[in-house]
Amino acid sequence: MVVALDRWRGALAATVLVVGAASAATAQESRLQAAPTEGGLAAGTLLVANRSGGSISMFDLAAGLEIARLPIGPAIPHEVAVSPDGRWAVTGEYGSNDDPGRRVVVIDIENARITGRIDLGPVSRPHSFAFLPDGRRVAATMERADRIAVVDIVALAVLRTYPTGGREGHMVRLSPDGAYAYVTSRGAEGTLSVISLREDVPPIVIPTGAGAEGLAVSADGTEVWVVNRAAGSISVVNAATLEVVATLPARMGAGRAEISAGGRVLVPNGSAGAAAERYLAVYDLAARRVAGELAIDAGREGPGAFGIHIVGERAFVADRAARSIALYDLATLTLLDTLATAHPDPDGLAFTPVRIGAMERQ
């Protein structure tokens, strides 16, 4: 295992050095191109996974309207991801504890239609997704199987599955070059798995903290942030050495993270109940400290979870308790716009600058 770990560290260090500067520049450029318009919502489409009713909503942001809702079915979706070129999206049939789902759902964004479903098998329960750089392959967590699958969204086929080495792999993100998959597993002690998608080597499993769930990779690929929901902490992992280099305090119930190109880390928190404290916290990536917090929904009864998605230096936030979707400025933590209220249990979010064809032709 020591030899394998050394091999991993060498390969990861090389990846960070070669890809780092270019990927940071590419990420910055793509995010700026897709940045929200001054003082309001972005031009493009926001996809929202709706737990209630089992569907994906598609909001045209220029119009400020939901213009399509695609039925996923009773095996409710939790997360949604968009391809690098913005043309495709995937979500999953997550399902319930008693009736877990098993299929990845592929969406043609411009035509607002489902093009197919990819069956991962009866013991799978896909939850989280990440597109590889080619825009055709997608990594998907198989929470019940303790594996991830790489699927082809054009051929509608499973290409390969990989063990995570953890329990209940919930979230997946990739290194900027797509060579490695990072998976948080919230079962037992809580871990981060580092999985090579190019070499046949065992995953490296790093203990982080109880309820490891939220997951984000810095734009240059050098750091992985893991939010440990049950431990009330954040583990900062060096992607080259695969070591936890810092442990930061987080509010209990924090379960998501996303990092902006400008180095801001958004971490929402909240627990279900009538008196739950819910906050949006922004951390400074370089300083590894809280830069600001905004209290929201104090005392509101309902689920204490948030879906988040950063575009530029602003963030879309799906508030499940308030049943709302809003846009916040990360620098000031101020509310800029509200896209929807009374929405059916919004959760995972994804943005694309591509508009649905009917709107684009107007």
Protein backbone atom coordinates (compact mmCIF):
# COMPACT_ATOMS: atom_id res chain seq x y z
CA MET A 1 0.00 0.00 0.00
CA VAL A 2 2.92 2.38 0.67
CA VAL A 3 4.23 1.79 -2.85
CA ALA A 4 0.76 2.36 -4.27
CA LEU A 5 0.33 5.56 -2.26
CA ASP A 6 3.71 6.88 -3.43
CA ARG A 7 2.71 6.10 -7.00
CA TRP A 8 -0.55 7.96 -6.51
CA ARG A 9 1.14 10.98 -4.95
CA GLY A 10 3.64 11.24 -7.79
CA ALA A 11 0.93 11.03 -10.43
CA LEU A 12 -1.29 13.54 -8.65
CA ALA A 13 1.56 16.00 -8.13
CA ALA A 14 2.37 15.86 -11.84
CA THR A 15 -1.30 16.39 -12.68
CA VAL A 16 -1.52 19.45 -10.43
CA LEU A 17 1.64 21.01 -11.90
CA VAL A 18 0.75 20.43 -15.54
CA VAL A 19 -2.96 21.11 -15.38
CA GLY A 20 -3.13 23.70 -12.62
CA ALA A 21 -2.41 26.98 -14.36
CA ALA A 22 -4.25 26.12 -17.56
CA SER A 23 -7.30 24.76 -15.79
CA ALA A 24 -7.52 27.78 -13.50
CA ALA A 25 -7.45 30.09 -16.52
CA THR A 26 -10.03 27.99 -18.37
CA ALA A 27 -12.31 27.86 -15.34
CA GLN A 28 -12.00 31.60 -14.85
CA GLU A 29 -12.80 32.28 -18.51
CA SER A 30 -15.77 29.94 -18.65
CA ARG A 31 -17.23 31.26 -15.42
CA LEU A 32 -16.83 34.86 -16.53
CA GLN A 33 -18.54 34.11 -19.84
CA ALA A 34 -21.44 32.61 -17.93
CA ALA A 35 -21.50 35.26 -15.21
CA PRO A 36 -24.83 36.79 -14.19
CA THR A 37 -25.72 40.10 -15.75
CA GLU A 38 -25.11 43.12 -13.60
CA GLY A 39 -27.68 43.39 -10.83
CA GLY A 40 -29.79 40.41 -11.85
CA LEU A 41 -30.05 36.87 -13.10
CA ALA A 42 -27.84 35.36 -15.76
CA ALA A 43 -28.77 34.74 -19.37
CA GLY A 44 -29.10 31.02 -19.88
CA THR A 45 -30.91 28.14 -18.22
CA LEU A 46 -30.98 27.03 -14.59
CA LEU A 47 -31.85 23.38 -13.99
CA VAL A 48 -33.41 22.44 -10.65
CA ALA A 49 -33.94 18.96 -9.23
CA ASN A 50 -37.35 18.83 -7.55
CA ARG A 51 -37.80 16.22 -4.87
CA SER A 52 -41.56 16.67 -4.65
CA GLY A 53 -43.11 15.31 -7.80
CA GLY A 54 -39.82 13.88 -9.08
CA SER A 55 -38.90 16.28 -11.86
CA ILE A 56 -36.32 18.66 -13.30
CA SER A 57 -37.35 22.30 -13.74
CA MET A 58 -35.78 24.43 -16.47
CA PHE A 59 -35.79 28.18 -15.85
CA ASP A 60 -35.01 30.62 -18.64
CA LEU A 61 -33.12 33.26 -16.69
CA ALA A 62 -33.46 36.05 -19.24
CA ALA A 63 -37.23 35.67 -19.03
CA GLY A 64 -37.20 34.84 -15.32
CA LEU A 65 -39.65 31.99 -15.91
CA GLU A 66 -39.84 28.23 -15.54
CA ILE A 67 -40.54 27.14 -19.11
CA ALA A 68 -40.19 23.36 -18.88
CA ARG A 69 -40.55 20.63 -16.26
CA LEU A 70 -39.31 17.16 -17.18
CA PRO A 71 -40.78 14.21 -15.25
CA ILE A 72 -38.14 11.89 -13.79
CA GLY A 73 -40.63 9.73 -11.94
CA PRO A 74 -41.33 8.57 -8.38
CA ALA A 75 -37.64 7.67 -7.90
CA ILE A 76 -36.94 11.29 -7.02
CA PRO A 77 -33.84 13.15 -8.28
CA HIS A 78 -31.53 14.95 -5.85
CA GLU A 79 -28.69 16.31 -7.99
CA VAL A 80 -28.19 17.51 -11.58
CA ALA A 81 -25.04 18.25 -13.60
CA VAL A 82 -24.38 20.01 -16.93
CA SER A 83 -21.79 19.11 -19.58
CA PRO A 84 -18.80 21.41 -20.23
CA ASP A 85 -20.35 22.65 -23.49
CA GLY A 86 -23.67 23.30 -21.76
CA ARG A 87 -25.70 21.13 -24.15
CA TRP A 88 -26.44 18.12 -21.95
CA ALA A 89 -27.52 17.45 -18.40
CA VAL A 90 -27.80 14.34 -16.27
CA THR A 91 -29.73 13.55 -13.14
CA GLY A 92 -30.56 10.32 -11.35
CA GLU A 93 -33.35 8.22 -9.98
CA TYR A 94 -32.26 8.38 -6.35
CA GLY A 95 -35.47 7.07 -4.84
CA SER A 96 -36.31 6.38 -1.22
CA ASN A 97 -34.66 4.20 1.38
CA ASP A 98 -37.33 1.55 0.84
CA ASP A 99 -37.39 1.87 -2.95
CA PRO A 100 -33.99 3.06 -4.23
CA GLY A 101 -33.59 4.12 -7.84
CA ARG A 102 -31.15 2.72 -10.37
CA ARG A 103 -30.98 4.83 -13.56
CA VAL A 104 -29.09 7.90 -14.78
CA VAL A 105 -31.32 10.22 -16.83
CA VAL A 106 -29.89 12.11 -19.84
CA ILE A 107 -31.38 15.48 -20.86
CA ASP A 108 -31.01 17.44 -24.10
CA ILE A 109 -31.14 21.00 -22.77
CA GLU A 110 -31.79 22.96 -25.98
CA ASN A 111 -34.77 20.77 -26.86
CA ALA A 112 -35.91 20.31 -23.25
CA ARG A 113 -36.33 16.57 -23.53
CA ILE A 114 -35.11 13.34 -21.97
CA THR A 115 -33.05 11.38 -24.50
CA GLY A 116 -32.59 8.18 -22.52
CA ARG A 117 -31.87 6.42 -19.24
CA ILE A 118 -28.86 4.33 -18.25
CA ASP A 119 -29.49 1.41 -15.90
CA LEU A 120 -26.82 1.02 -13.20
CA GLY A 121 -28.37 -2.11 -11.74
CA PRO A 122 -30.64 -2.98 -8.82
CA VAL A 123 -28.16 -2.13 -6.04
CA SER A 124 -27.04 1.30 -7.14
CA ARG A 125 -29.06 4.42 -6.13
CA PRO A 126 -27.34 7.13 -8.22
CA HIS A 127 -27.10 10.46 -6.41
CA SER A 128 -24.35 12.77 -7.67
CA PHE A 129 -22.76 13.32 -11.09
CA ALA A 130 -19.74 14.92 -12.73
CA PHE A 131 -18.98 15.25 -16.44
CA LEU A 132 -15.55 14.29 -17.70
CA PRO A 133 -13.84 16.91 -19.91
CA ASP A 134 -14.96 15.21 -23.14
CA GLY A 135 -18.59 16.03 -22.29
CA ARG A 136 -19.70 12.53 -23.22
CA ARG A 137 -18.69 10.49 -20.18
CA VAL A 138 -20.14 11.04 -16.73
CA ALA A 139 -19.08 9.76 -13.31
CA ALA A 140 -22.06 8.82 -11.13
CA THR A 141 -22.15 7.69 -7.52
CA MET A 142 -23.77 4.31 -6.77
CA GLU A 143 -24.54 4.93 -3.13
CA ARG A 144 -25.90 1.47 -2.29
CA ALA A 145 -23.11 -0.39 -4.11
CA ASP A 146 -20.17 1.63 -2.69
CA ARG A 147 -18.98 2.21 -6.25
CA ILE A 148 -19.02 4.87 -8.93
CA ALA A 149 -19.99 4.26 -12.53
CA VAL A 150 -18.60 5.96 -15.63
CA VAL A 151 -21.34 6.09 -18.26
CA ASP A 152 -21.56 7.16 -21.91
CA ILE A 153 -24.52 9.52 -22.38
CA VAL A 154 -24.55 9.09 -26.17
CA ALA A 155 -24.38 5.28 -26.27
CA LEU A 156 -26.51 5.15 -23.09
CA ALA A 157 -24.15 2.55 -21.67
CA VAL A 158 -22.19 1.82 -18.50
CA LEU A 159 -18.51 1.82 -19.43
CA ARG A 160 -17.06 0.73 -16.12
CA THR A 161 -17.59 0.82 -12.36
CA TYR A 162 -14.98 1.47 -9.67
CA PRO A 163 -15.02 0.65 -5.94
CA THR A 164 -14.89 3.64 -3.62
CA GLY A 165 -13.49 1.86 -0.59
CA GLY A 166 -15.95 3.84 1.57
CA ARG A 167 -19.54 3.43 2.73
CA GLU A 168 -22.47 5.34 1.16
CA GLY A 169 -20.62 7.32 -1.48
CA HIS A 170 -22.78 10.43 -1.79
CA MET A 171 -21.04 13.18 -3.77
CA VAL A 172 -18.56 12.98 -6.66
CA ARG A 173 -16.28 15.62 -8.17
CA LEU A 174 -13.33 15.35 -10.56
CA SER A 175 -9.81 16.70 -10.88
CA PRO A 176 -9.68 19.39 -13.60
CA ASP A 177 -8.20 16.97 -16.17
CA GLY A 178 -10.68 14.21 -15.35
CA ALA A 179 -7.97 11.77 -14.27
CA TYR A 180 -9.25 11.36 -10.71
CA ALA A 181 -12.67 11.13 -9.11
CA TYR A 182 -13.19 12.31 -5.54
CA VAL A 183 -16.06 10.75 -3.58
CA THR A 184 -17.32 11.57 -0.11
CA SER A 185 -18.76 8.63 1.83
CA ARG A 186 -20.95 9.54 4.76
CA GLY A 187 -21.26 6.07 6.31
CA ALA A 188 -19.29 4.94 9.38
CA GLU A 189 -16.45 7.39 10.12
CA GLY A 190 -16.80 9.56 7.00
CA THR A 191 -14.15 9.45 4.26
CA LEU A 192 -12.87 10.92 1.02
CA SER A 193 -11.98 8.42 -1.71
CA VAL A 194 -9.54 9.28 -4.49
CA ILE A 195 -10.18 7.05 -7.50
CA SER A 196 -7.97 6.87 -10.59
CA LEU A 197 -10.04 6.78 -13.76
CA ARG A 198 -7.00 5.97 -15.92
CA GLU A 199 -5.04 3.36 -13.97
CA ASP A 200 -6.02 0.06 -12.37
CA VAL A 201 -5.03 0.90 -8.81
CA PRO A 202 -7.04 0.65 -5.59
CA PRO A 203 -8.73 3.82 -4.36
CA ILE A 204 -6.98 5.82 -1.67
CA VAL A 205 -9.37 6.35 1.27
CA ILE A 206 -8.77 9.33 3.58
CA PRO A 207 -10.67 9.63 6.89
CA THR A 208 -12.14 13.12 7.23
CA GLY A 209 -15.02 13.22 9.70
CA ALA A 210 -18.46 11.90 10.57
CA GLY A 211 -21.02 12.39 7.86
CA ALA A 212 -18.57 13.39 5.11
CA GLU A 213 -20.82 14.79 2.42
CA GLY A 214 -20.18 18.23 0.90
CA LEU A 215 -17.39 18.21 -1.68
CA ALA A 216 -15.62 20.83 -3.79
CA VAL A 217 -12.37 21.01 -5.76
CA SER A 218 -10.47 24.28 -6.19
CA ALA A 219 -10.27 25.66 -9.74
CA ASP A 220 -6.56 24.82 -10.00
CA GLY A 221 -7.12 21.31 -8.66
CA THR A 222 -4.71 21.65 -5.74
CA GLU A 223 -7.23 21.38 -2.87
CA VAL A 224 -10.28 19.29 -2.10
CA TRP A 225 -12.70 20.56 0.56
CA VAL A 226 -14.84 17.99 2.39
CA VAL A 227 -17.74 19.10 4.59
CA ASN A 228 -18.37 16.68 7.46
CA ARG A 229 -22.05 17.20 8.26
CA ALA A 230 -22.23 15.24 11.52
CA ALA A 231 -18.84 16.39 12.81
CA GLY A 232 -19.40 20.10 12.20
CA SER A 233 -16.09 20.46 10.38
CA ILE A 234 -14.40 20.93 7.01
CA SER A 235 -11.36 18.89 5.99
CA VAL A 236 -8.99 20.52 3.50
CA VAL A 237 -7.11 17.86 1.55
CA ASN A 238 -3.94 18.53 -0.45
CA ALA A 239 -4.57 16.87 -3.83
CA ALA A 240 -0.88 16.12 -4.41
CA THR A 241 0.01 14.59 -1.04
CA LEU A 242 -3.48 13.22 -0.24
CA GLU A 243 -3.19 14.53 3.31
CA VAL A 244 -5.62 16.54 5.40
CA VAL A 245 -3.69 19.81 5.76
CA ALA A 246 -6.33 21.76 7.70
CA THR A 247 -9.51 21.14 9.68
CA LEU A 248 -11.88 24.10 9.87
CA PRO A 249 -14.95 24.58 12.05
CA ALA A 250 -18.35 24.48 10.34
CA ARG A 251 -21.86 24.78 11.65
CA MET A 252 -23.62 21.50 12.40
CA GLY A 253 -25.69 20.28 9.51
CA ALA A 254 -23.46 21.77 6.81
CA GLY A 255 -23.69 19.39 3.89
CA ARG A 256 -22.66 21.14 0.65
CA ALA A 257 -19.73 23.16 -0.64
CA GLU A 258 -18.78 24.89 -3.87
CA ILE A 259 -15.73 26.99 -4.73
CA SER A 260 -15.77 30.05 -6.99
CA ALA A 261 -13.01 30.89 -9.45
CA GLY A 262 -12.23 33.88 -7.23
CA GLY A 263 -11.47 31.68 -4.21
CA ARG A 264 -14.71 31.90 -2.23
CA VAL A 265 -16.11 28.70 -0.72
CA LEU A 266 -19.86 28.62 -0.13
CA VAL A 267 -21.02 26.27 2.66
CA PRO A 268 -24.71 26.29 3.65
CA ASN A 269 -25.99 24.52 6.74
CA GLY A 270 -29.19 23.59 8.47
CA SER A 271 -30.99 20.79 10.23
CA ALA A 272 -34.64 19.83 9.91
CA GLY A 273 -37.02 21.12 12.55
CA ALA A 274 -39.02 24.12 13.67
CA ALA A 275 -36.15 26.00 15.34
CA ALA A 276 -33.26 25.11 13.08
CA GLU A 277 -30.54 27.71 12.57
CA ARG A 278 -29.70 28.05 8.89
CA TYR A 279 -26.82 30.01 7.44
CA LEU A 280 -24.94 30.65 4.24
CA ALA A 281 -21.24 30.81 5.12
CA VAL A 282 -18.51 31.98 2.76
CA TYR A 283 -14.93 30.89 3.46
CA ASP A 284 -11.79 32.45 2.05
CA LEU A 285 -10.04 29.62 0.16
CA ALA A 286 -6.50 30.96 0.63
CA ALA A 287 -6.89 32.11 4.24
CA ARG A 288 -9.00 29.07 5.22
CA ARG A 289 -11.34 31.07 7.39
CA VAL A 290 -14.93 32.33 7.38
CA ALA A 291 -15.19 35.57 5.45
CA GLY A 292 -18.88 36.13 6.14
CA GLU A 293 -22.16 34.54 7.18
CA LEU A 294 -25.79 35.26 6.43
CA ALA A 295 -28.57 33.91 8.66
CA ILE A 296 -31.62 32.75 6.73
CA ASP A 297 -34.89 31.04 7.61
CA ALA A 298 -34.37 31.13 11.38
CA GLY A 299 -37.20 29.18 12.97
CA ARG A 300 -38.75 28.06 9.69
CA GLU A 301 -40.04 24.51 9.89
CA GLY A 302 -38.96 22.13 7.13
CA PRO A 303 -35.93 20.41 5.60
CA GLY A 304 -32.68 22.13 6.52
CA ALA A 305 -30.88 21.42 3.26
CA PHE A 306 -29.81 23.65 0.40
CA GLY A 307 -28.83 23.13 -3.20
CA ILE A 308 -26.12 25.53 -4.36
CA HIS A 309 -24.46 26.44 -7.64
CA ILE A 310 -21.90 29.19 -8.23
CA VAL A 311 -21.77 31.21 -11.44
CA GLY A 312 -19.02 33.82 -11.49
CA GLU A 313 -18.95 35.27 -7.99
CA ARG A 314 -22.64 34.80 -7.37
CA ALA A 315 -24.55 31.78 -6.17
CA PHE A 316 -27.92 30.28 -6.88
CA VAL A 317 -29.36 28.79 -3.68
CA ALA A 318 -32.29 26.38 -3.49
CA ASP A 319 -33.80 26.65 -0.01
CA ARG A 320 -35.87 23.54 0.66
CA ALA A 321 -37.51 24.91 3.82
CA ALA A 322 -38.58 28.16 2.13
CA ARG A 323 -39.30 26.38 -1.17
CA SER A 324 -37.44 29.17 -2.92
CA ILE A 325 -34.65 29.65 -5.45
CA ALA A 326 -32.60 32.82 -5.09
CA LEU A 327 -29.41 34.49 -6.29
CA TYR A 328 -26.82 35.85 -3.84
CA ASP A 329 -23.69 37.95 -4.23
CA LEU A 330 -20.81 35.99 -2.67
CA ALA A 331 -18.69 39.05 -1.95
CA THR A 332 -21.36 40.83 0.10
CA LEU A 333 -23.71 37.93 0.93
CA THR A 334 -26.66 39.98 -0.20
CA LEU A 335 -29.80 38.76 -1.92
CA LEU A 336 -29.85 39.93 -5.54
CA ASP A 337 -32.90 38.23 -6.98
CA THR A 338 -35.53 35.62 -6.22
CA LEU A 339 -36.29 33.31 -9.11
CA ALA A 340 -39.07 31.22 -7.55
CA THR A 341 -41.16 30.82 -4.42
CA ALA A 342 -43.56 28.02 -3.47
CA HIS A 343 -41.41 25.69 -5.57
CA PRO A 344 -41.74 21.89 -5.04
CA ASP A 345 -38.83 21.04 -2.73
CA PRO A 346 -35.91 22.34 -4.86
CA ASP A 347 -32.56 20.66 -4.31
CA GLY A 348 -29.61 20.23 -6.71
CA LEU A 349 -28.89 23.02 -9.23
CA ALA A 350 -26.88 23.43 -12.42
CA PHE A 351 -26.45 26.34 -14.85
CA THR A 352 -25.82 26.47 -18.59
CA PRO A 353 -25.51 29.50 -20.87
CA VAL A 354 -27.51 27.47 -23.44
CA ARG A 355 -31.16 28.51 -23.69
CA ILE A 356 -34.00 26.22 -24.65
CA GLY A 357 -34.49 26.55 -28.41
CA ALA A 358 -37.98 27.95 -28.23
CA MET A 359 -36.73 30.86 -26.14
CA GLU A 360 -33.57 31.37 -28.20
CA ARG A 361 -35.60 31.80 -31.39
CA GLN A 362 -37.88 34.48 -29.96
